[in-house]
Amino acid sequence: MLGWAVFCLILALAAAVLGFGGLAGTFVGIAKILFFVFIVLFVISLLVNALRGRRPPV
């Protein structure tokens, strides 16, 4: 997911350099959404693993 966010950010930068302002703004919006979704899923994953309390393998 984070890879997709970085990819959209790179596309936004390329579009901005080439002068496509509207397209760059769209890609930045998509990158922001993907980044925040990634952060939320990461925090949920950390909480689930902390609450589950896995034991190390024997």
PDB file of N, CA and C in Angstrom:
ATOM      1  N   MET A   1       0.834  -1.194   0.000  1.00  0.00           N
ATOM      2  CA  MET A   1       0.000   0.000   0.000  1.00  0.00           C
ATOM      3  C   MET A   1       0.871   1.247   0.000  1.00  0.00           C
ATOM      4  N   LEU A   2       1.927   1.202   0.797  1.00  0.00           N
ATOM      5  CA  LEU A   2       2.826   2.355   0.843  1.00  0.00           C
ATOM      6  C   LEU A   2       3.519   2.535  -0.505  1.00  0.00           C
ATOM      7  N   GLY A   3       3.789   1.439  -1.175  1.00  0.00           N
ATOM      8  CA  GLY A   3       4.397   1.506  -2.504  1.00  0.00           C
ATOM      9  C   GLY A   3       3.497   2.222  -3.505  1.00  0.00           C
ATOM     10  N   TRP A   4       2.198   1.959  -3.413  1.00  0.00           N
ATOM     11  CA  TRP A   4       1.249   2.636  -4.302  1.00  0.00           C
ATOM     12  C   TRP A   4       1.203   4.132  -4.009  1.00  0.00           C
ATOM     13  N   ALA A   5       1.287   4.496  -2.735  1.00  0.00           N
ATOM     14  CA  ALA A   5       1.268   5.911  -2.365  1.00  0.00           C
ATOM     15  C   ALA A   5       2.489   6.618  -2.925  1.00  0.00           C
ATOM     16  N   VAL A   6       3.644   5.986  -2.815  1.00  0.00           N
ATOM     17  CA  VAL A   6       4.873   6.576  -3.362  1.00  0.00           C
ATOM     18  C   VAL A   6       4.783   6.665  -4.881  1.00  0.00           C
ATOM     19  N   PHE A   7       4.227   5.649  -5.509  1.00  0.00           N
ATOM     20  CA  PHE A   7       4.055   5.657  -6.966  1.00  0.00           C
ATOM     21  C   PHE A   7       3.164   6.818  -7.419  1.00  0.00           C
ATOM     22  N   CYS A   8       2.046   7.033  -6.711  1.00  0.00           N
ATOM     23  CA  CYS A   8       1.152   8.149  -7.053  1.00  0.00           C
ATOM     24  C   CYS A   8       1.834   9.490  -6.825  1.00  0.00           C
ATOM     25  N   LEU A   9       2.653   9.571  -5.790  1.00  0.00           N
ATOM     26  CA  LEU A   9       3.381  10.809  -5.525  1.00  0.00           C
ATOM     27  C   LEU A   9       4.387  11.090  -6.632  1.00  0.00           C
ATOM     28  N   ILE A  10       5.062  10.075  -7.115  1.00  0.00           N
ATOM     29  CA  ILE A  10       6.008  10.255  -8.220  1.00  0.00           C
ATOM     30  C   ILE A  10       5.275  10.669  -9.487  1.00  0.00           C
ATOM     31  N   LEU A  11       4.122  10.056  -9.743  1.00  0.00           N
ATOM     32  CA  LEU A  11       3.325  10.463 -10.909  1.00  0.00           C
ATOM     33  C   LEU A  11       2.862  11.912 -10.780  1.00  0.00           C
ATOM     34  N   ALA A  12       2.512  12.334  -9.568  1.00  0.00           N
ATOM     35  CA  ALA A  12       2.088  13.714  -9.345  1.00  0.00           C
ATOM     36  C   ALA A  12       3.232  14.679  -9.607  1.00  0.00           C
ATOM     37  N   LEU A  13       4.417  14.325  -9.147  1.00  0.00           N
ATOM     38  CA  LEU A  13       5.577  15.191  -9.399  1.00  0.00           C
ATOM     39  C   LEU A  13       5.890  15.282 -10.886  1.00  0.00           C
ATOM     40  N   ALA A  14       5.807  14.163 -11.586  1.00  0.00           N
ATOM     41  CA  ALA A  14       6.069  14.166 -13.023  1.00  0.00           C
ATOM     42  C   ALA A  14       5.020  14.998 -13.757  1.00  0.00           C
ATOM     43  N   ALA A  15       3.755  14.864 -13.365  1.00  0.00           N
ATOM     44  CA  ALA A  15       2.688  15.635 -14.004  1.00  0.00           C
ATOM     45  C   ALA A  15       2.861  17.123 -13.721  1.00  0.00           C
ATOM     46  N   ALA A  16       3.299  17.466 -12.513  1.00  0.00           N
ATOM     47  CA  ALA A  16       3.502  18.875 -12.174  1.00  0.00           C
ATOM     48  C   ALA A  16       4.650  19.470 -12.980  1.00  0.00           C
ATOM     49  N   VAL A  17       5.713  18.707 -13.162  1.00  0.00           N
ATOM     50  CA  VAL A  17       6.856  19.199 -13.945  1.00  0.00           C
ATOM     51  C   VAL A  17       6.454  19.419 -15.397  1.00  0.00           C
ATOM     52  N   LEU A  18       5.586  18.555 -15.907  1.00  0.00           N
ATOM     53  CA  LEU A  18       5.151  18.674 -17.300  1.00  0.00           C
ATOM     54  C   LEU A  18       4.023  19.683 -17.493  1.00  0.00           C
ATOM     55  N   GLY A  19       3.519  20.234 -16.401  1.00  0.00           N
ATOM     56  CA  GLY A  19       2.524  21.292 -16.502  1.00  0.00           C
ATOM     57  C   GLY A  19       1.079  20.839 -16.412  1.00  0.00           C
ATOM     58  N   PHE A  20       0.835  19.625 -16.010  1.00  0.00           N
ATOM     59  CA  PHE A  20      -0.528  19.128 -15.866  1.00  0.00           C
ATOM     60  C   PHE A  20      -0.970  19.312 -14.411  1.00  0.00           C
ATOM     61  N   GLY A  21      -1.397  20.504 -14.074  1.00  0.00           N
ATOM     62  CA  GLY A  21      -1.727  20.842 -12.691  1.00  0.00           C
ATOM     63  C   GLY A  21      -2.909  20.063 -12.137  1.00  0.00           C
ATOM     64  N   GLY A  22      -3.958  19.921 -12.926  1.00  0.00           N
ATOM     65  CA  GLY A  22      -5.137  19.194 -12.458  1.00  0.00           C
ATOM     66  C   GLY A  22      -4.846  17.732 -12.207  1.00  0.00           C
ATOM     67  N   LEU A  23      -4.111  17.138 -13.102  1.00  0.00           N
ATOM     68  CA  LEU A  23      -3.744  15.732 -12.955  1.00  0.00           C
ATOM     69  C   LEU A  23      -2.814  15.542 -11.761  1.00  0.00           C
ATOM     70  N   ALA A  24      -1.899  16.476 -11.563  1.00  0.00           N
ATOM     71  CA  ALA A  24      -0.985  16.398 -10.423  1.00  0.00           C
ATOM     72  C   ALA A  24      -1.766  16.492  -9.114  1.00  0.00           C
ATOM     73  N   GLY A  25      -2.744  17.370  -9.052  1.00  0.00           N
ATOM     74  CA  GLY A  25      -3.562  17.500  -7.853  1.00  0.00           C
ATOM     75  C   GLY A  25      -4.345  16.242  -7.553  1.00  0.00           C
ATOM     76  N   THR A  26      -4.832  15.592  -8.594  1.00  0.00           N
ATOM     77  CA  THR A  26      -5.569  14.341  -8.422  1.00  0.00           C
ATOM     78  C   THR A  26      -4.660  13.252  -7.862  1.00  0.00           C
ATOM     79  N   PHE A  27      -3.460  13.136  -8.420  1.00  0.00           N
ATOM     80  CA  PHE A  27      -2.526  12.124  -7.937  1.00  0.00           C
ATOM     81  C   PHE A  27      -2.080  12.400  -6.503  1.00  0.00           C
ATOM     82  N   VAL A  28      -1.917  13.657  -6.145  1.00  0.00           N
ATOM     83  CA  VAL A  28      -1.555  13.992  -4.768  1.00  0.00           C
ATOM     84  C   VAL A  28      -2.678  13.582  -3.823  1.00  0.00           C
ATOM     85  N   GLY A  29      -3.921  13.829  -4.225  1.00  0.00           N
ATOM     86  CA  GLY A  29      -5.061  13.420  -3.398  1.00  0.00           C
ATOM     87  C   GLY A  29      -5.113  11.914  -3.201  1.00  0.00           C
ATOM     88  N   ILE A  30      -4.873  11.180  -4.270  1.00  0.00           N
ATOM     89  CA  ILE A  30      -4.862   9.718  -4.182  1.00  0.00           C
ATOM     90  C   ILE A  30      -3.729   9.250  -3.278  1.00  0.00           C
ATOM     91  N   ALA A  31      -2.553   9.866  -3.416  1.00  0.00           N
ATOM     92  CA  ALA A  31      -1.414   9.484  -2.585  1.00  0.00           C
ATOM     93  C   ALA A  31      -1.695   9.754  -1.111  1.00  0.00           C
ATOM     94  N   LYS A  32      -2.352  10.869  -0.795  1.00  0.00           N
ATOM     95  CA  LYS A  32      -2.690  11.175   0.596  1.00  0.00           C
ATOM     96  C   LYS A  32      -3.643  10.126   1.168  1.00  0.00           C
ATOM     97  N   ILE A  33      -4.668   9.782   0.408  1.00  0.00           N
ATOM     98  CA  ILE A  33      -5.642   8.794   0.869  1.00  0.00           C
ATOM     99  C   ILE A  33      -4.966   7.452   1.114  1.00  0.00           C
ATOM    100  N   LEU A  34      -4.138   7.007   0.172  1.00  0.00           N
ATOM    101  CA  LEU A  34      -3.455   5.726   0.324  1.00  0.00           C
ATOM    102  C   LEU A  34      -2.505   5.735   1.517  1.00  0.00           C
ATOM    103  N   PHE A  35      -1.832   6.862   1.734  1.00  0.00           N
ATOM    104  CA  PHE A  35      -0.905   6.954   2.857  1.00  0.00           C
ATOM    105  C   PHE A  35      -1.647   6.836   4.187  1.00  0.00           C
ATOM    106  N   PHE A  36      -2.773   7.533   4.326  1.00  0.00           N
ATOM    107  CA  PHE A  36      -3.510   7.469   5.579  1.00  0.00           C
ATOM    108  C   PHE A  36      -4.157   6.101   5.792  1.00  0.00           C
ATOM    109  N   VAL A  37      -4.597   5.458   4.727  1.00  0.00           N
ATOM    110  CA  VAL A  37      -5.126   4.101   4.847  1.00  0.00           C
ATOM    111  C   VAL A  37      -4.014   3.161   5.312  1.00  0.00           C
ATOM    112  N   PHE A  38      -2.801   3.338   4.757  1.00  0.00           N
ATOM    113  CA  PHE A  38      -1.667   2.535   5.179  1.00  0.00           C
ATOM    114  C   PHE A  38      -1.375   2.730   6.664  1.00  0.00           C
ATOM    115  N   ILE A  39      -1.374   3.976   7.128  1.00  0.00           N
ATOM    116  CA  ILE A  39      -1.093   4.265   8.533  1.00  0.00           C
ATOM    117  C   ILE A  39      -2.151   3.609   9.437  1.00  0.00           C
ATOM    118  N   VAL A  40      -3.422   3.716   9.066  1.00  0.00           N
ATOM    119  CA  VAL A  40      -4.491   3.124   9.875  1.00  0.00           C
ATOM    120  C   VAL A  40      -4.347   1.603   9.933  1.00  0.00           C
ATOM    121  N   LEU A  41      -4.095   0.970   8.812  1.00  0.00           N
ATOM    122  CA  LEU A  41      -3.929  -0.479   8.799  1.00  0.00           C
ATOM    123  C   LEU A  41      -2.691  -0.912   9.584  1.00  0.00           C
ATOM    124  N   PHE A  42      -1.633  -0.123   9.526  1.00  0.00           N
ATOM    125  CA  PHE A  42      -0.415  -0.425  10.277  1.00  0.00           C
ATOM    126  C   PHE A  42      -0.672  -0.369  11.780  1.00  0.00           C
ATOM    127  N   VAL A  43      -1.381   0.661  12.232  1.00  0.00           N
ATOM    128  CA  VAL A  43      -1.686   0.797  13.658  1.00  0.00           C
ATOM    129  C   VAL A  43      -2.596  -0.338  14.119  1.00  0.00           C
ATOM    130  N   ILE A  44      -3.596  -0.682  13.317  1.00  0.00           N
ATOM    131  CA  ILE A  44      -4.478  -1.799  13.665  1.00  0.00           C
ATOM    132  C   ILE A  44      -3.682  -3.094  13.761  1.00  0.00           C
ATOM    133  N   SER A  45      -2.762  -3.307  12.848  1.00  0.00           N
ATOM    134  CA  SER A  45      -1.925  -4.497  12.877  1.00  0.00           C
ATOM    135  C   SER A  45      -1.069  -4.543  14.135  1.00  0.00           C
ATOM    136  N   LEU A  46      -0.493  -3.409  14.512  1.00  0.00           N
ATOM    137  CA  LEU A  46       0.305  -3.364  15.735  1.00  0.00           C
ATOM    138  C   LEU A  46      -0.536  -3.685  16.968  1.00  0.00           C
ATOM    139  N   LEU A  47      -1.742  -3.116  17.032  1.00  0.00           N
ATOM    140  CA  LEU A  47      -2.609  -3.356  18.177  1.00  0.00           C
ATOM    141  C   LEU A  47      -3.050  -4.813  18.264  1.00  0.00           C
ATOM    142  N   VAL A  48      -3.404  -5.398  17.153  1.00  0.00           N
ATOM    143  CA  VAL A  48      -3.845  -6.792  17.144  1.00  0.00           C
ATOM    144  C   VAL A  48      -2.711  -7.702  17.582  1.00  0.00           C
ATOM    145  N   ASN A  49      -1.503  -7.468  17.086  1.00  0.00           N
ATOM    146  CA  ASN A  49      -0.371  -8.309  17.478  1.00  0.00           C
ATOM    147  C   ASN A  49      -0.003  -8.103  18.936  1.00  0.00           C
ATOM    148  N   ALA A  50      -0.141  -6.893  19.453  1.00  0.00           N
ATOM    149  CA  ALA A  50       0.166  -6.634  20.859  1.00  0.00           C
ATOM    150  C   ALA A  50      -0.870  -7.291  21.771  1.00  0.00           C
ATOM    151  N   LEU A  51      -2.127  -7.247  21.388  1.00  0.00           N
ATOM    152  CA  LEU A  51      -3.182  -7.835  22.210  1.00  0.00           C
ATOM    153  C   LEU A  51      -3.197  -9.355  22.138  1.00  0.00           C
ATOM    154  N   ARG A  52      -2.782  -9.882  21.020  1.00  0.00           N
ATOM    155  CA  ARG A  52      -2.787 -11.323  20.850  1.00  0.00           C
ATOM    156  C   ARG A  52      -1.708 -11.971  21.722  1.00  0.00           C
ATOM    157  N   GLY A  53      -0.598 -11.291  21.908  1.00  0.00           N
ATOM    158  CA  GLY A  53       0.466 -11.781  22.772  1.00  0.00           C
ATOM    159  C   GLY A  53       1.081 -13.074  22.299  1.00  0.00           C
ATOM    160  N   ARG A  54       1.602 -13.078  21.116  1.00  0.00           N
ATOM    161  CA  ARG A  54       2.193 -14.281  20.572  1.00  0.00           C
ATOM    162  C   ARG A  54       3.418 -14.691  21.395  1.00  0.00           C
ATOM    163  N   ARG A  55       3.581 -15.994  21.529  1.00  0.00           N
ATOM    164  CA  ARG A  55       4.747 -16.518  22.231  1.00  0.00           C
ATOM    165  C   ARG A  55       5.796 -16.924  21.199  1.00  0.00           C
ATOM    166  N   PRO A  56       7.059 -16.785  21.558  1.00  0.00           N
ATOM    167  CA  PRO A  56       8.103 -17.209  20.609  1.00  0.00           C
ATOM    168  C   PRO A  56       8.071 -18.726  20.406  1.00  0.00           C
ATOM    169  N   PRO A  57       8.449 -19.182  19.228  1.00  0.00           N
ATOM    170  CA  PRO A  57       8.452 -20.637  18.973  1.00  0.00           C
ATOM    171  C   PRO A  57       9.490 -21.344  19.835  1.00  0.00           C
ATOM    172  N   VAL A  58       9.172 -22.586  20.178  1.00  0.00           N
ATOM    173  CA  VAL A  58      10.070 -23.360  21.055  1.00  0.00           C
ATOM    174  C   VAL A  58      11.066 -24.120  20.229  1.00  0.00           C
TER     175      VAL A  58
END
